Amino acid sequence: MSLTVPNDLLDQARAGEVDDAAFIACVRDSLPYAWSVISELAERRDRTGAAFTDNQTPPPDEAARGQLLRCLASDSMRGALERHFGVRLAFQNCHRVAVFDPTATEALRDFVTPRAQILNQKPELVDC
């Protein structure tokens, strides 16, 4: 299961739309490792003003790796995080998350090319 959904949020979803703040809180609480990686990258990008920042440190364990995969594989979670942090997210392998300034279209385009994916491959990442 991707998220641990509190009963009040489940009731909200059954009654209609779920607001982003409640959904973001659910993602933050359910996937703390993924949240910490993405929030730290967003803060670093804001602080430095760089076009993007990325994580190149593998997760400490399989549970953490699973959190990143679940979070970034979900269009709804990814979209909510992008809106919350005011960024664009991109993902390579099992851990290389990148946070882009929304206007950095060239940097994002370069990051998501097949060339960039191939150059990011390392033997130790085969099983990630």
C-alpha atoms as a PDB file:
ATOM      1  CA  MET A   1       0.000   0.000   0.000  1.00  0.00           C
ATOM      2  CA  SER A   2       1.389   3.400  -0.965  1.00  0.00           C
ATOM      3  CA  LEU A   3      -0.254   5.570   1.669  1.00  0.00           C
ATOM      4  CA  THR A   4      -1.570   5.216   5.186  1.00  0.00           C
ATOM      5  CA  VAL A   5      -4.811   7.164   4.862  1.00  0.00           C
ATOM      6  CA  PRO A   6      -6.426   8.575   8.013  1.00  0.00           C
ATOM      7  CA  ASN A   7     -10.169   7.964   8.359  1.00  0.00           C
ATOM      8  CA  ASP A   8     -11.038  11.677   8.084  1.00  0.00           C
ATOM      9  CA  LEU A   9      -9.192  11.895   4.752  1.00  0.00           C
ATOM     10  CA  LEU A  10     -10.898   8.747   3.513  1.00  0.00           C
ATOM     11  CA  ASP A  11     -14.274  10.277   4.488  1.00  0.00           C
ATOM     12  CA  GLN A  12     -13.314  13.473   2.653  1.00  0.00           C
ATOM     13  CA  ALA A  13     -12.502  11.475  -0.493  1.00  0.00           C
ATOM     14  CA  ARG A  14     -15.784   9.571  -0.298  1.00  0.00           C
ATOM     15  CA  ALA A  15     -17.690  12.857   0.019  1.00  0.00           C
ATOM     16  CA  GLY A  16     -15.980  14.546  -2.937  1.00  0.00           C
ATOM     17  CA  GLU A  17     -12.716  16.274  -3.679  1.00  0.00           C
ATOM     18  CA  VAL A  18      -9.664  16.068  -1.435  1.00  0.00           C
ATOM     19  CA  ASP A  19      -7.785  19.311  -0.887  1.00  0.00           C
ATOM     20  CA  ASP A  20      -4.063  19.409  -1.652  1.00  0.00           C
ATOM     21  CA  ALA A  21      -3.052  20.307   1.922  1.00  0.00           C
ATOM     22  CA  ALA A  22      -4.708  17.184   3.343  1.00  0.00           C
ATOM     23  CA  PHE A  23      -3.274  14.999   0.588  1.00  0.00           C
ATOM     24  CA  ILE A  24       0.215  16.488   1.032  1.00  0.00           C
ATOM     25  CA  ALA A  25       0.033  15.807   4.788  1.00  0.00           C
ATOM     26  CA  CYS A  26      -0.916  12.190   4.043  1.00  0.00           C
ATOM     27  CA  VAL A  27       2.031  11.782   1.646  1.00  0.00           C
ATOM     28  CA  ARG A  28       4.431  13.443   4.131  1.00  0.00           C
ATOM     29  CA  ASP A  29       3.291  11.200   6.990  1.00  0.00           C
ATOM     30  CA  SER A  30       3.089   7.984   4.932  1.00  0.00           C
ATOM     31  CA  LEU A  31       6.338   8.347   2.995  1.00  0.00           C
ATOM     32  CA  PRO A  32       8.734  10.196   5.327  1.00  0.00           C
ATOM     33  CA  TYR A  33      11.928   9.216   3.498  1.00  0.00           C
ATOM     34  CA  ALA A  34      10.607  10.315   0.104  1.00  0.00           C
ATOM     35  CA  TRP A  35       9.266  13.515   1.677  1.00  0.00           C
ATOM     36  CA  SER A  36      12.617  14.304   3.305  1.00  0.00           C
ATOM     37  CA  VAL A  37      14.579  13.790   0.073  1.00  0.00           C
ATOM     38  CA  ILE A  38      12.233  15.906  -2.039  1.00  0.00           C
ATOM     39  CA  SER A  39      11.756  18.671   0.535  1.00  0.00           C
ATOM     40  CA  GLU A  40      15.540  18.940   1.105  1.00  0.00           C
ATOM     41  CA  LEU A  41      16.139  19.160  -2.643  1.00  0.00           C
ATOM     42  CA  ALA A  42      13.456  21.825  -3.032  1.00  0.00           C
ATOM     43  CA  GLU A  43      14.944  23.849  -0.169  1.00  0.00           C
ATOM     44  CA  ARG A  44      18.455  23.526  -1.646  1.00  0.00           C
ATOM     45  CA  ARG A  45      17.254  24.579  -5.082  1.00  0.00           C
ATOM     46  CA  ASP A  46      15.481  27.606  -3.584  1.00  0.00           C
ATOM     47  CA  ARG A  47      18.533  28.529  -1.498  1.00  0.00           C
ATOM     48  CA  THR A  48      21.026  28.253  -4.371  1.00  0.00           C
ATOM     49  CA  GLY A  49      18.804  29.519  -7.182  1.00  0.00           C
ATOM     50  CA  ALA A  50      20.110  26.681  -9.372  1.00  0.00           C
ATOM     51  CA  ALA A  51      18.086  25.452 -12.325  1.00  0.00           C
ATOM     52  CA  PHE A  52      17.898  22.085 -10.533  1.00  0.00           C
ATOM     53  CA  THR A  53      19.248  20.036  -7.668  1.00  0.00           C
ATOM     54  CA  ASP A  54      19.377  16.277  -7.521  1.00  0.00           C
ATOM     55  CA  ASN A  55      19.959  13.427  -5.128  1.00  0.00           C
ATOM     56  CA  GLN A  56      22.699  10.956  -5.995  1.00  0.00           C
ATOM     57  CA  THR A  57      22.796   9.087  -2.689  1.00  0.00           C
ATOM     58  CA  PRO A  58      21.124   5.683  -2.770  1.00  0.00           C
ATOM     59  CA  PRO A  59      18.398   5.094  -0.171  1.00  0.00           C
ATOM     60  CA  PRO A  60      19.611   3.474   3.052  1.00  0.00           C
ATOM     61  CA  ASP A  61      17.390   0.408   2.641  1.00  0.00           C
ATOM     62  CA  GLU A  62      14.695  -1.208   0.527  1.00  0.00           C
ATOM     63  CA  ALA A  63      11.855   0.394   2.491  1.00  0.00           C
ATOM     64  CA  ALA A  64      13.227   3.861   1.715  1.00  0.00           C
ATOM     65  CA  ARG A  65      13.772   2.913  -1.936  1.00  0.00           C
ATOM     66  CA  GLY A  66      10.166   1.726  -2.099  1.00  0.00           C
ATOM     67  CA  GLN A  67       8.941   5.051  -0.742  1.00  0.00           C
ATOM     68  CA  LEU A  68      10.708   6.965  -3.514  1.00  0.00           C
ATOM     69  CA  LEU A  69       9.417   4.606  -6.174  1.00  0.00           C
ATOM     70  CA  ARG A  70       5.816   4.748  -4.929  1.00  0.00           C
ATOM     71  CA  CYS A  71       5.862   8.511  -4.502  1.00  0.00           C
ATOM     72  CA  LEU A  72       7.322   9.332  -7.905  1.00  0.00           C
ATOM     73  CA  ALA A  73       5.421   6.650  -9.814  1.00  0.00           C
ATOM     74  CA  SER A  74       2.101   8.146  -8.744  1.00  0.00           C
ATOM     75  CA  ASP A  75       0.878  10.975 -10.957  1.00  0.00           C
ATOM     76  CA  SER A  76      -1.326  12.318  -8.158  1.00  0.00           C
ATOM     77  CA  MET A  77       1.463  12.304  -5.552  1.00  0.00           C
ATOM     78  CA  ARG A  78       4.026  13.738  -7.946  1.00  0.00           C
ATOM     79  CA  GLY A  79       1.623  16.461  -9.065  1.00  0.00           C
ATOM     80  CA  ALA A  80       0.704  17.398  -5.507  1.00  0.00           C
ATOM     81  CA  LEU A  81       4.376  17.635  -4.522  1.00  0.00           C
ATOM     82  CA  GLU A  82       5.160  19.740  -7.582  1.00  0.00           C
ATOM     83  CA  ARG A  83       2.353  22.152  -6.696  1.00  0.00           C
ATOM     84  CA  HIS A  84       3.309  22.217  -3.016  1.00  0.00           C
ATOM     85  CA  PHE A  85       6.987  22.975  -3.609  1.00  0.00           C
ATOM     86  CA  GLY A  86       6.498  24.987  -6.826  1.00  0.00           C
ATOM     87  CA  VAL A  87       8.883  22.763  -8.790  1.00  0.00           C
ATOM     88  CA  ARG A  88       9.024  20.109 -11.483  1.00  0.00           C
ATOM     89  CA  LEU A  89      10.208  16.641 -10.462  1.00  0.00           C
ATOM     90  CA  ALA A  90      12.151  14.142 -12.541  1.00  0.00           C
ATOM     91  CA  PHE A  91      13.421  10.685 -11.653  1.00  0.00           C
ATOM     92  CA  GLN A  92      16.155   8.328 -12.851  1.00  0.00           C
ATOM     93  CA  ASN A  93      16.935   4.873 -11.495  1.00  0.00           C
ATOM     94  CA  CYS A  94      15.859   4.063  -7.968  1.00  0.00           C
ATOM     95  CA  HIS A  95      17.101   7.172  -6.233  1.00  0.00           C
ATOM     96  CA  ARG A  96      18.166  10.002  -8.518  1.00  0.00           C
ATOM     97  CA  VAL A  97      15.391  12.472  -7.873  1.00  0.00           C
ATOM     98  CA  ALA A  98      15.788  15.944  -9.346  1.00  0.00           C
ATOM     99  CA  VAL A  99      13.906  19.101  -8.439  1.00  0.00           C
ATOM    100  CA  PHE A 100      13.714  21.712 -11.207  1.00  0.00           C
ATOM    101  CA  ASP A 101      12.770  25.340 -11.276  1.00  0.00           C
ATOM    102  CA  PRO A 102       9.576  25.323 -13.390  1.00  0.00           C
ATOM    103  CA  THR A 103      11.201  27.692 -15.885  1.00  0.00           C
ATOM    104  CA  ALA A 104      14.296  25.494 -16.364  1.00  0.00           C
ATOM    105  CA  THR A 105      12.817  23.694 -19.343  1.00  0.00           C
ATOM    106  CA  GLU A 106      16.148  23.070 -21.074  1.00  0.00           C
ATOM    107  CA  ALA A 107      17.731  21.548 -17.950  1.00  0.00           C
ATOM    108  CA  LEU A 108      14.673  19.323 -17.450  1.00  0.00           C
ATOM    109  CA  ARG A 109      14.645  18.312 -21.107  1.00  0.00           C
ATOM    110  CA  ASP A 110      18.350  17.345 -20.863  1.00  0.00           C
ATOM    111  CA  PHE A 111      17.796  15.352 -17.637  1.00  0.00           C
ATOM    112  CA  VAL A 112      15.026  13.184 -19.102  1.00  0.00           C
ATOM    113  CA  THR A 113      16.745  12.202 -22.351  1.00  0.00           C
ATOM    114  CA  PRO A 114      17.734   8.604 -23.103  1.00  0.00           C
ATOM    115  CA  ARG A 115      21.351   9.850 -23.208  1.00  0.00           C
ATOM    116  CA  ALA A 116      21.133  11.168 -19.637  1.00  0.00           C
ATOM    117  CA  GLN A 117      19.530   7.920 -18.468  1.00  0.00           C
ATOM    118  CA  ILE A 118      22.285   5.839 -20.054  1.00  0.00           C
ATOM    119  CA  LEU A 119      25.053   8.051 -18.660  1.00  0.00           C
ATOM    120  CA  ASN A 120      23.523   7.710 -15.182  1.00  0.00           C
ATOM    121  CA  GLN A 121      23.869   3.907 -15.238  1.00  0.00           C
ATOM    122  CA  LYS A 122      26.409   2.306 -12.937  1.00  0.00           C
ATOM    123  CA  PRO A 123      27.011  -1.381 -12.259  1.00  0.00           C
ATOM    124  CA  GLU A 124      26.024  -0.976  -8.595  1.00  0.00           C
ATOM    125  CA  LEU A 125      22.606   0.362  -9.675  1.00  0.00           C
ATOM    126  CA  VAL A 126      21.607  -2.656 -11.760  1.00  0.00           C
ATOM    127  CA  ASP A 127      19.420  -4.030  -8.972  1.00  0.00           C
ATOM    128  CA  CYS A 128      17.924  -0.807  -7.764  1.00  0.00           C
END
